[in-house]
Amino acid sequence: MVLPVTIGGRTFNNVVNLNTPAAGALTIVSATGGTATLTTLATAGQNQVVVSTLTDTQGNSLFDTGNRRYICIGGLESHTITSIDGPTRTITLNGTLLFGHLVGAPVFTIKALSYQVAVVDGTSTLLRDENLGNGPQPQAEHIENLQFTTFDGNGNPTVNPPAIRVIRASLRARTAVQDPELKGTDGYRRREIASNIHLKNMGITP
């Protein structure tokens, strides 16, 4: 992984960034999305790759030399883009490839995705921010609480970013209106869900 990365004016030092960009928030740096693949054989030692497309299905840029300059090739190694030749779809990297990659190998953009709960127009809301300049975007309303607990490979709690292998995300939502038949509480029904997220490729140097 090409760490640290600077995306949207923020620098992220780890794959998992706890309490970033605010207390209780979480930012994950990962290779995600995109539909690009290699169209020519890429051999170890070269510093250029040719991709099938430079845009997604909506015409948005997948790669550039700004916030989208970090890429992952074949899920095996990551690099920084130094230049792009549009007509030939040739991407020049800041270093040489460590591995060989076959035609059709996927090429991903490395993104920094931030999640947090904040009050928007008086409503507690789950927000997601890709740190590309559009700011936090609402994902779900009436989300009261979002907690992240991190574990190492042995299932022990840890806040040491390089040791994190599993993230447990717990989310609590409530109804938008009160239920008059619900006695002994504030009248709102609540539901809490939790999910364990197993991080891929953690601990791999490239």
C-alpha atoms as a PDB file:
ATOM      1  CA  MET A   1       0.000   0.000   0.000  1.00  0.00           C
ATOM      2  CA  VAL A   2       1.283   3.466  -0.895  1.00  0.00           C
ATOM      3  CA  LEU A   3       1.020   4.928   2.587  1.00  0.00           C
ATOM      4  CA  PRO A   4       0.708   7.633   3.659  1.00  0.00           C
ATOM      5  CA  VAL A   5      -1.713   8.988   1.064  1.00  0.00           C
ATOM      6  CA  THR A   6      -3.013  12.536   0.747  1.00  0.00           C
ATOM      7  CA  ILE A   7      -6.536  12.739  -0.658  1.00  0.00           C
ATOM      8  CA  GLY A   8      -8.790  15.765  -0.563  1.00  0.00           C
ATOM      9  CA  GLY A   9      -6.217  17.711   1.426  1.00  0.00           C
ATOM     10  CA  ARG A  10      -6.152  15.119   4.214  1.00  0.00           C
ATOM     11  CA  THR A  11      -3.258  12.785   4.880  1.00  0.00           C
ATOM     12  CA  PHE A  12      -4.016   9.230   5.970  1.00  0.00           C
ATOM     13  CA  ASN A  13      -1.172   7.240   7.468  1.00  0.00           C
ATOM     14  CA  ASN A  14      -2.856   3.849   7.786  1.00  0.00           C
ATOM     15  CA  VAL A  15      -5.327   1.557   6.057  1.00  0.00           C
ATOM     16  CA  VAL A  16      -7.606   1.925   9.091  1.00  0.00           C
ATOM     17  CA  ASN A  17      -7.715   5.455  10.546  1.00  0.00           C
ATOM     18  CA  LEU A  18      -9.661   5.577  13.803  1.00  0.00           C
ATOM     19  CA  ASN A  19     -11.345   8.815  14.941  1.00  0.00           C
ATOM     20  CA  THR A  20     -10.656  10.356  11.540  1.00  0.00           C
ATOM     21  CA  PRO A  21     -11.696  12.948  10.441  1.00  0.00           C
ATOM     22  CA  ALA A  22     -13.516  13.407  13.770  1.00  0.00           C
ATOM     23  CA  ALA A  23     -13.964  11.613  17.072  1.00  0.00           C
ATOM     24  CA  GLY A  24     -16.040   8.481  16.539  1.00  0.00           C
ATOM     25  CA  ALA A  25     -15.460   8.493  12.773  1.00  0.00           C
ATOM     26  CA  LEU A  26     -13.518   5.942  10.743  1.00  0.00           C
ATOM     27  CA  THR A  27     -11.628   6.318   7.473  1.00  0.00           C
ATOM     28  CA  ILE A  28     -10.580   3.240   5.498  1.00  0.00           C
ATOM     29  CA  VAL A  29      -8.013   3.519   2.711  1.00  0.00           C
ATOM     30  CA  SER A  30      -8.595   0.774   0.170  1.00  0.00           C
ATOM     31  CA  ALA A  31      -8.633  -0.166  -3.503  1.00  0.00           C
ATOM     32  CA  THR A  32     -12.238  -0.103  -4.578  1.00  0.00           C
ATOM     33  CA  GLY A  33     -14.649   0.425  -7.455  1.00  0.00           C
ATOM     34  CA  GLY A  34     -13.774   1.031 -11.067  1.00  0.00           C
ATOM     35  CA  THR A  35     -14.003  -1.068 -14.189  1.00  0.00           C
ATOM     36  CA  ALA A  36     -10.511  -0.709 -15.660  1.00  0.00           C
ATOM     37  CA  THR A  37      -8.370  -3.678 -16.657  1.00  0.00           C
ATOM     38  CA  LEU A  38      -4.969  -4.071 -18.267  1.00  0.00           C
ATOM     39  CA  THR A  39      -5.071  -4.313 -22.061  1.00  0.00           C
ATOM     40  CA  THR A  40      -1.396  -5.222 -22.505  1.00  0.00           C
ATOM     41  CA  LEU A  41       0.907  -7.538 -20.628  1.00  0.00           C
ATOM     42  CA  ALA A  42       2.629  -5.739 -17.731  1.00  0.00           C
ATOM     43  CA  THR A  43       6.004  -7.146 -16.754  1.00  0.00           C
ATOM     44  CA  ALA A  44       7.962  -6.658 -13.542  1.00  0.00           C
ATOM     45  CA  GLY A  45      10.398  -3.771 -13.828  1.00  0.00           C
ATOM     46  CA  GLN A  46       8.400  -1.553 -16.163  1.00  0.00           C
ATOM     47  CA  ASN A  47       6.868   1.725 -15.003  1.00  0.00           C
ATOM     48  CA  GLN A  48       3.872   1.995 -17.332  1.00  0.00           C
ATOM     49  CA  VAL A  49       0.559   0.184 -17.706  1.00  0.00           C
ATOM     50  CA  VAL A  50      -2.121   0.448 -20.369  1.00  0.00           C
ATOM     51  CA  VAL A  51      -5.726   0.288 -19.158  1.00  0.00           C
ATOM     52  CA  SER A  52      -9.029  -0.399 -20.869  1.00  0.00           C
ATOM     53  CA  THR A  53     -10.653   2.837 -19.740  1.00  0.00           C
ATOM     54  CA  LEU A  54      -9.888   6.013 -17.823  1.00  0.00           C
ATOM     55  CA  THR A  55     -13.514   6.646 -16.831  1.00  0.00           C
ATOM     56  CA  ASP A  56     -16.328   4.767 -15.127  1.00  0.00           C
ATOM     57  CA  THR A  57     -19.676   3.909 -16.693  1.00  0.00           C
ATOM     58  CA  GLN A  58     -20.975   7.419 -15.883  1.00  0.00           C
ATOM     59  CA  GLY A  59     -18.020   9.109 -17.550  1.00  0.00           C
ATOM     60  CA  ASN A  60     -16.299  10.111 -14.312  1.00  0.00           C
ATOM     61  CA  SER A  61     -12.519   9.929 -14.185  1.00  0.00           C
ATOM     62  CA  LEU A  62     -11.129   6.822 -12.526  1.00  0.00           C
ATOM     63  CA  PHE A  63      -7.545   8.068 -12.466  1.00  0.00           C
ATOM     64  CA  ASP A  64      -5.719  11.391 -12.464  1.00  0.00           C
ATOM     65  CA  THR A  65      -2.639  13.008 -10.933  1.00  0.00           C
ATOM     66  CA  GLY A  66      -4.626  14.563  -8.081  1.00  0.00           C
ATOM     67  CA  ASN A  67      -6.968  12.851  -5.633  1.00  0.00           C
ATOM     68  CA  ARG A  68      -7.181   9.737  -7.831  1.00  0.00           C
ATOM     69  CA  ARG A  69      -3.440   9.320  -8.297  1.00  0.00           C
ATOM     70  CA  TYR A  70      -3.076   6.213  -6.114  1.00  0.00           C
ATOM     71  CA  ILE A  71      -3.831   2.914  -7.852  1.00  0.00           C
ATOM     72  CA  CYS A  72      -3.722  -0.804  -7.121  1.00  0.00           C
ATOM     73  CA  ILE A  73      -2.807  -3.234  -9.887  1.00  0.00           C
ATOM     74  CA  GLY A  74      -4.088  -6.778  -9.808  1.00  0.00           C
ATOM     75  CA  GLY A  75      -4.771  -6.532  -6.087  1.00  0.00           C
ATOM     76  CA  LEU A  76      -1.058  -7.176  -5.542  1.00  0.00           C
ATOM     77  CA  GLU A  77       0.760  -3.851  -5.593  1.00  0.00           C
ATOM     78  CA  SER A  78       0.071  -0.143  -5.343  1.00  0.00           C
ATOM     79  CA  HIS A  79       1.696   2.868  -6.969  1.00  0.00           C
ATOM     80  CA  THR A  80       1.300   6.599  -7.501  1.00  0.00           C
ATOM     81  CA  ILE A  81       0.458   7.973 -10.939  1.00  0.00           C
ATOM     82  CA  THR A  82       2.896  10.566 -12.314  1.00  0.00           C
ATOM     83  CA  SER A  83       1.256  11.103 -15.710  1.00  0.00           C
ATOM     84  CA  ILE A  84      -1.525   9.818 -17.982  1.00  0.00           C
ATOM     85  CA  ASP A  85      -1.601   9.761 -21.770  1.00  0.00           C
ATOM     86  CA  GLY A  86      -5.282   9.976 -22.636  1.00  0.00           C
ATOM     87  CA  PRO A  87      -5.288   8.807 -26.285  1.00  0.00           C
ATOM     88  CA  THR A  88      -3.333   5.622 -25.512  1.00  0.00           C
ATOM     89  CA  ARG A  89      -4.706   5.194 -21.953  1.00  0.00           C
ATOM     90  CA  THR A  90      -1.126   4.728 -20.762  1.00  0.00           C
ATOM     91  CA  ILE A  91      -0.460   5.395 -17.082  1.00  0.00           C
ATOM     92  CA  THR A  92       3.077   6.169 -15.948  1.00  0.00           C
ATOM     93  CA  LEU A  93       3.906   5.183 -12.372  1.00  0.00           C
ATOM     94  CA  ASN A  94       6.292   6.655  -9.834  1.00  0.00           C
ATOM     95  CA  GLY A  95       8.129   3.333  -9.584  1.00  0.00           C
ATOM     96  CA  THR A  96       8.512   0.035 -11.355  1.00  0.00           C
ATOM     97  CA  LEU A  97       6.168  -2.930 -11.114  1.00  0.00           C
ATOM     98  CA  LEU A  98       7.116  -5.568  -8.570  1.00  0.00           C
ATOM     99  CA  PHE A  99       5.142  -8.348 -10.280  1.00  0.00           C
ATOM    100  CA  GLY A 100       4.007  -9.333 -13.744  1.00  0.00           C
ATOM    101  CA  HIS A 101       0.330  -8.877 -14.573  1.00  0.00           C
ATOM    102  CA  LEU A 102      -1.673 -10.549 -17.324  1.00  0.00           C
ATOM    103  CA  VAL A 103      -4.031  -8.848 -19.742  1.00  0.00           C
ATOM    104  CA  GLY A 104      -7.381  -8.436 -18.016  1.00  0.00           C
ATOM    105  CA  ALA A 105      -5.936  -7.873 -14.539  1.00  0.00           C
ATOM    106  CA  PRO A 106      -8.068  -5.308 -12.652  1.00  0.00           C
ATOM    107  CA  VAL A 107      -6.766  -1.826 -11.914  1.00  0.00           C
ATOM    108  CA  PHE A 108      -8.416  -0.038  -8.974  1.00  0.00           C
ATOM    109  CA  THR A 109      -8.424   3.486  -7.635  1.00  0.00           C
ATOM    110  CA  ILE A 110      -7.308   3.753  -4.008  1.00  0.00           C
ATOM    111  CA  LYS A 111      -9.880   5.762  -2.077  1.00  0.00           C
ATOM    112  CA  ALA A 112     -10.205   7.097   1.448  1.00  0.00           C
ATOM    113  CA  LEU A 113     -13.774   6.433   2.614  1.00  0.00           C
ATOM    114  CA  SER A 114     -14.904   8.135   5.824  1.00  0.00           C
ATOM    115  CA  TYR A 115     -17.958   7.177   7.884  1.00  0.00           C
ATOM    116  CA  GLN A 116     -19.489   9.047  10.797  1.00  0.00           C
ATOM    117  CA  VAL A 117     -22.758  10.082  12.396  1.00  0.00           C
ATOM    118  CA  ALA A 118     -23.633  13.759  12.626  1.00  0.00           C
ATOM    119  CA  VAL A 119     -26.723  15.922  13.002  1.00  0.00           C
ATOM    120  CA  VAL A 120     -27.997  17.202   9.632  1.00  0.00           C
ATOM    121  CA  ASP A 121     -30.966  19.597   9.671  1.00  0.00           C
ATOM    122  CA  GLY A 122     -31.824  18.423  13.167  1.00  0.00           C
ATOM    123  CA  THR A 123     -31.687  14.705  12.322  1.00  0.00           C
ATOM    124  CA  SER A 124     -28.958  12.279  13.360  1.00  0.00           C
ATOM    125  CA  THR A 125     -27.610  10.950  10.053  1.00  0.00           C
ATOM    126  CA  LEU A 126     -25.061   8.429   8.815  1.00  0.00           C
ATOM    127  CA  LEU A 127     -22.590  10.186   6.503  1.00  0.00           C
ATOM    128  CA  ARG A 128     -20.104   8.853   3.950  1.00  0.00           C
ATOM    129  CA  ASP A 129     -17.305  10.984   2.508  1.00  0.00           C
ATOM    130  CA  GLU A 130     -15.025   9.914  -0.358  1.00  0.00           C
ATOM    131  CA  ASN A 131     -12.772  12.911   0.400  1.00  0.00           C
ATOM    132  CA  LEU A 132     -12.903  14.029  -3.232  1.00  0.00           C
ATOM    133  CA  GLY A 133     -14.353  17.467  -2.615  1.00  0.00           C
ATOM    134  CA  ASN A 134     -18.077  16.735  -2.443  1.00  0.00           C
ATOM    135  CA  GLY A 135     -18.118  16.583   1.349  1.00  0.00           C
ATOM    136  CA  PRO A 136     -19.965  14.082   3.549  1.00  0.00           C
ATOM    137  CA  GLN A 137     -23.053  12.610   1.854  1.00  0.00           C
ATOM    138  CA  PRO A 138     -26.110  11.373   3.796  1.00  0.00           C
ATOM    139  CA  GLN A 139     -26.624   7.601   3.656  1.00  0.00           C
ATOM    140  CA  ALA A 140     -29.385   7.028   6.203  1.00  0.00           C
ATOM    141  CA  GLU A 141     -31.381   9.192   8.611  1.00  0.00           C
ATOM    142  CA  HIS A 142     -32.283   8.563  12.250  1.00  0.00           C
ATOM    143  CA  ILE A 143     -29.014   6.766  12.952  1.00  0.00           C
ATOM    144  CA  GLU A 144     -28.335   7.449  16.607  1.00  0.00           C
ATOM    145  CA  ASN A 145     -25.015   5.739  17.088  1.00  0.00           C
ATOM    146  CA  LEU A 146     -22.135   4.251  15.115  1.00  0.00           C
ATOM    147  CA  GLN A 147     -19.311   2.441  16.900  1.00  0.00           C
ATOM    148  CA  PHE A 148     -16.166   0.793  15.548  1.00  0.00           C
ATOM    149  CA  THR A 149     -14.209  -1.845  17.474  1.00  0.00           C
ATOM    150  CA  THR A 150     -10.993  -3.204  15.992  1.00  0.00           C
ATOM    151  CA  PHE A 151      -9.303  -6.586  16.513  1.00  0.00           C
ATOM    152  CA  ASP A 152      -6.028  -8.233  15.595  1.00  0.00           C
ATOM    153  CA  GLY A 153      -5.668 -11.577  13.815  1.00  0.00           C
ATOM    154  CA  ASN A 154      -6.167 -13.466  17.071  1.00  0.00           C
ATOM    155  CA  GLY A 155      -9.424 -11.732  17.900  1.00  0.00           C
ATOM    156  CA  ASN A 156      -7.920  -9.460  20.552  1.00  0.00           C
ATOM    157  CA  PRO A 157      -9.001  -5.805  20.704  1.00  0.00           C
ATOM    158  CA  THR A 158      -6.342  -3.457  19.338  1.00  0.00           C
ATOM    159  CA  VAL A 159      -6.067   0.185  18.321  1.00  0.00           C
ATOM    160  CA  ASN A 160      -2.680  -0.323  16.646  1.00  0.00           C
ATOM    161  CA  PRO A 161      -3.505   0.320  12.934  1.00  0.00           C
ATOM    162  CA  PRO A 162      -0.940  -2.101  11.381  1.00  0.00           C
ATOM    163  CA  ALA A 163      -2.225  -4.921  13.603  1.00  0.00           C
ATOM    164  CA  ILE A 164      -5.921  -4.498  12.752  1.00  0.00           C
ATOM    165  CA  ARG A 165      -7.457  -7.385  10.836  1.00  0.00           C
ATOM    166  CA  VAL A 166     -11.156  -7.136  11.746  1.00  0.00           C
ATOM    167  CA  ILE A 167     -13.448  -4.144  12.253  1.00  0.00           C
ATOM    168  CA  ARG A 168     -16.732  -4.608  14.091  1.00  0.00           C
ATOM    169  CA  ALA A 169     -19.209  -1.921  13.081  1.00  0.00           C
ATOM    170  CA  SER A 170     -22.238  -1.453  15.332  1.00  0.00           C
ATOM    171  CA  LEU A 171     -25.069   0.811  14.250  1.00  0.00           C
ATOM    172  CA  ARG A 172     -28.208   1.839  16.130  1.00  0.00           C
ATOM    173  CA  ALA A 173     -31.223   3.309  14.329  1.00  0.00           C
ATOM    174  CA  ARG A 174     -34.542   4.552  15.642  1.00  0.00           C
ATOM    175  CA  THR A 175     -37.963   5.191  14.172  1.00  0.00           C
ATOM    176  CA  ALA A 176     -38.719   8.658  12.813  1.00  0.00           C
ATOM    177  CA  VAL A 177     -41.858   9.019  14.960  1.00  0.00           C
ATOM    178  CA  GLN A 178     -42.829   7.919  18.430  1.00  0.00           C
ATOM    179  CA  ASP A 179     -45.038   4.890  19.045  1.00  0.00           C
ATOM    180  CA  PRO A 180     -47.744   5.833  21.573  1.00  0.00           C
ATOM    181  CA  GLU A 181     -48.158   2.171  22.497  1.00  0.00           C
ATOM    182  CA  LEU A 182     -44.530   1.785  23.560  1.00  0.00           C
ATOM    183  CA  LYS A 183     -44.634   2.301  27.312  1.00  0.00           C
ATOM    184  CA  GLY A 184     -41.851   3.104  29.748  1.00  0.00           C
ATOM    185  CA  THR A 185     -39.496   4.693  27.202  1.00  0.00           C
ATOM    186  CA  ASP A 186     -39.255   7.855  25.137  1.00  0.00           C
ATOM    187  CA  GLY A 187     -41.614   6.261  22.609  1.00  0.00           C
ATOM    188  CA  TYR A 188     -39.114   5.557  19.857  1.00  0.00           C
ATOM    189  CA  ARG A 189     -38.448   2.019  18.687  1.00  0.00           C
ATOM    190  CA  ARG A 190     -34.800   1.164  18.097  1.00  0.00           C
ATOM    191  CA  ARG A 191     -32.874  -1.521  16.262  1.00  0.00           C
ATOM    192  CA  GLU A 192     -29.166  -2.239  16.539  1.00  0.00           C
ATOM    193  CA  ILE A 193     -27.119  -4.279  14.091  1.00  0.00           C
ATOM    194  CA  ALA A 194     -23.456  -5.266  14.109  1.00  0.00           C
ATOM    195  CA  SER A 195     -21.199  -6.723  11.459  1.00  0.00           C
ATOM    196  CA  ASN A 196     -17.607  -7.951  11.425  1.00  0.00           C
ATOM    197  CA  ILE A 197     -15.550  -6.700   8.486  1.00  0.00           C
ATOM    198  CA  HIS A 198     -12.501  -8.832   7.688  1.00  0.00           C
ATOM    199  CA  LEU A 199      -9.829  -6.734   5.995  1.00  0.00           C
ATOM    200  CA  LYS A 200      -8.119  -8.248   2.968  1.00  0.00           C
ATOM    201  CA  ASN A 201      -4.389  -8.185   2.259  1.00  0.00           C
ATOM    202  CA  MET A 202      -3.441  -6.559   5.574  1.00  0.00           C
ATOM    203  CA  GLY A 203       0.220  -7.063   6.365  1.00  0.00           C
ATOM    204  CA  ILE A 204       1.259  -7.405   2.716  1.00  0.00           C
ATOM    205  CA  THR A 205       4.126  -4.995   1.998  1.00  0.00           C
ATOM    206  CA  PRO A 206       3.506  -4.192  -1.690  1.00  0.00           C
END
